C-alpha cells in the first residue's frame, strides 16, 4: 500500500470516531484472542472498517466500560450513559461496541432434543449394584 492509502484510511477512521479527533484515544491496540482468536478482520462478523475501529479504539472503550478510565469529553460521557442503559446507542462507536459485546458473549448453542450435553470437565461415574450369583453344587453331575 502506498503512503496515500494509509493517510486515506486514517482519515476515514477519524471521521467515524464521533467527529472528535481526541475521542476514544488509546496507546494500545485492542485484541480479544479469547473470543476472536483469528482477529476481528478474519472472524467474519465485523466489516474491515469496524475491525480497524475496534483495534484502534477498543482498548479505550473497554477501559471506559469497566471504569478504569474516566470520560474526557462529551462523546465518551455519552458512551458511558449508553452502557448504563440511560440512552440508546446512536453513534458508530456506540453501535460498534454494542455489537462487539453481543458477539463476545457467544452464539447460542442449539442441540437436538433429548441429547445430554455435560460439561467436559465433569466426570460421570456410574455405580452398579453388586449382584452376587449363587452357584449351587447341584449343577454338577454325580
Protein backbone atom coordinates (compact mmCIF):
# COMPACT_ATOMS: atom_id res chain seq x y z
CA UNK A 1 0.00 0.00 0.00
CA UNK A 2 1.13 3.49 -0.68
CA UNK A 3 1.52 6.21 1.92
CA UNK A 4 -1.52 7.99 0.47
CA UNK A 5 -3.65 4.88 1.09
CA UNK A 6 -2.64 4.85 4.75
CA UNK A 7 -3.49 8.54 5.07
CA UNK A 8 -6.91 7.99 3.47
CA UNK A 9 -7.62 5.04 5.77
CA UNK A 10 -6.63 7.08 8.83
CA UNK A 11 -8.90 9.95 7.76
CA UNK A 12 -11.80 7.53 7.29
CA UNK A 13 -11.29 6.06 10.75
CA UNK A 14 -11.04 9.50 12.33
CA UNK A 15 -14.23 10.58 10.58
CA UNK A 16 -16.10 7.68 12.20
CA UNK A 17 -14.92 8.43 15.71
CA UNK A 18 -17.87 10.70 16.52
CA UNK A 19 -16.37 13.81 14.97
CA UNK A 20 -13.80 14.48 17.70
CA UNK A 21 -10.24 13.51 16.96
CA UNK A 22 -9.42 13.07 20.67
CA UNK A 23 -12.30 10.69 21.46
CA UNK A 24 -11.53 7.12 22.50
CA UNK A 25 -7.76 7.50 22.26
CA UNK A 26 -5.51 4.70 23.43
CA UNK A 27 -1.86 3.85 23.01
CA UNK A 28 -2.54 0.10 22.88
CA UNK A 29 -4.22 -1.95 20.18
CA UNK A 30 -7.26 -3.94 21.26
CA UNK A 31 -7.35 -7.69 20.66
CA UNK A 32 -9.72 -10.27 22.08
CA UNK A 33 -7.97 -13.57 21.46
CA UNK A 34 -10.33 -15.45 23.78
CA UNK A 35 -13.49 -14.69 21.78
CA UNK A 36 -11.97 -13.87 18.37
CA UNK A 37 -8.80 -15.98 18.06
CA UNK A 38 -8.35 -15.22 14.37
CA UNK A 39 -8.77 -11.47 14.88
CA UNK A 40 -11.62 -9.10 14.19
CA UNK A 41 -10.98 -8.89 10.44
CA UNK A 42 -10.84 -12.62 9.85
CA UNK A 43 -13.71 -13.72 12.08
CA UNK A 44 -16.35 -12.69 9.54
CA UNK A 45 -18.57 -10.81 11.98
CA UNK A 46 -17.12 -7.32 11.50
CA UNK A 47 -16.51 -5.28 8.39
CA UNK A 48 -12.97 -4.18 7.65
CA UNK A 49 -13.73 -0.66 8.84
CA UNK A 50 -15.34 -1.94 12.06
CA UNK A 51 -12.35 -4.18 12.72
CA UNK A 52 -9.97 -1.24 12.28
CA UNK A 53 -12.05 0.90 14.65
CA UNK A 54 -12.10 -1.85 17.26
CA UNK A 55 -8.36 -2.41 17.05
CA UNK A 56 -7.60 1.30 17.35
CA UNK A 57 -10.22 2.46 19.85
CA UNK A 58 -11.37 -0.76 21.53
CA UNK A 59 -8.95 -0.51 24.43
CA UNK A 60 -10.25 2.95 25.32
CA UNK A 61 -13.86 1.76 25.01
CA UNK A 62 -13.09 -1.25 27.22
CA UNK A 63 -11.45 0.99 29.83
CA UNK A 64 -14.45 3.32 29.80
CA UNK A 65 -16.82 0.36 30.10
CA UNK A 66 -15.09 -1.17 33.12
CA UNK A 67 -14.50 2.20 34.81
CA UNK A 68 -10.70 2.22 34.73
CA UNK A 69 -10.72 5.37 32.58
CA UNK A 70 -12.80 8.49 33.11
CA UNK A 71 -14.51 10.24 30.18
CA UNK A 72 -12.58 13.24 28.89
CA UNK A 73 -15.19 14.70 26.52
CA UNK A 74 -18.88 14.70 25.65
CA UNK A 75 -18.69 11.69 23.32
CA UNK A 76 -17.11 9.48 25.96
CA UNK A 77 -19.61 10.66 28.56
CA UNK A 78 -22.46 9.78 26.21
CA UNK A 79 -20.81 6.39 25.58
CA UNK A 80 -20.89 5.65 29.31
CA UNK A 81 -24.55 6.68 29.55
CA UNK A 82 -25.34 4.30 26.69
CA UNK A 83 -23.54 1.49 28.52
CA UNK A 84 -25.55 2.23 31.65
CA UNK A 85 -28.77 1.99 29.63
CA UNK A 86 -29.78 5.63 30.02
CA UNK A 87 -29.60 6.34 26.26
CA UNK A 88 -29.94 4.22 23.11
CA UNK A 89 -26.81 3.64 21.03
CA UNK A 90 -26.73 6.12 18.13
CA UNK A 91 -23.12 6.90 17.20
CA UNK A 92 -20.96 4.48 15.18
CA UNK A 93 -18.67 3.82 18.16
CA UNK A 94 -21.59 3.03 20.48
CA UNK A 95 -23.18 0.73 17.91
CA UNK A 96 -19.86 -0.99 17.28
CA UNK A 97 -19.21 -1.60 20.98
CA UNK A 98 -22.72 -2.99 21.49
CA UNK A 99 -22.17 -5.29 18.50
CA UNK A 100 -18.82 -6.42 19.93
CA UNK A 101 -20.34 -7.12 23.36
CA UNK A 102 -23.21 -9.07 21.83
CA UNK A 103 -20.84 -11.23 19.74
CA UNK A 104 -18.31 -11.67 22.57
CA UNK A 105 -20.96 -13.31 24.75
CA UNK A 106 -21.06 -16.16 22.27
CA UNK A 107 -23.63 -17.57 19.97
CA UNK A 108 -26.43 -19.64 21.48
CA UNK A 109 -25.99 -23.40 21.39
CA UNK A 110 -28.88 -25.38 19.96
CA UNK A 111 -28.96 -29.14 20.35
CA UNK A 112 -31.18 -31.93 19.19
CA UNK A 113 -33.95 -32.58 21.68
CA UNK A 114 -33.13 -35.40 24.04
CA UNK A 115 -29.36 -35.13 23.95
CA UNK A 116 -27.41 -34.54 27.11
CA UNK A 117 -24.54 -32.08 27.00
CA UNK A 118 -22.46 -32.50 30.13
CA UNK A 119 -19.52 -30.16 30.66
CA UNK A 120 -16.27 -31.69 29.51
CA UNK A 121 -14.64 -31.26 32.91
CA UNK A 122 -17.24 -33.19 34.87
CA UNK A 123 -16.77 -36.92 35.15
CA UNK A 124 -19.79 -39.13 35.15
CA UNK A 125 -19.49 -42.15 37.38
CA UNK A 126 -21.99 -44.91 37.10
CA UNK A 127 -22.34 -47.25 40.04
CA UNK A 128 -23.77 -50.67 39.63
CA UNK A 129 -25.24 -52.71 42.45
CA UNK A 130 -23.16 -55.80 43.05
CA UNK A 131 -25.33 -58.75 42.28
CA UNK A 132 -23.92 -61.97 43.57
CA UNK A 133 -24.79 -65.04 41.65
CA UNK A 134 -25.33 -68.06 43.78
CA UNK A 135 -23.60 -71.09 42.47
CA UNK A 136 -25.01 -74.35 43.69
CA UNK A 137 -23.23 -77.63 43.81
CA UNK A 138 -26.25 -79.42 42.40
CA UNK A 139 -25.41 -78.46 38.84
CA UNK A 140 -22.55 -80.97 38.74
CA UNK A 141 -23.36 -84.44 37.50
CA UNK A 142 -22.96 -87.22 40.06
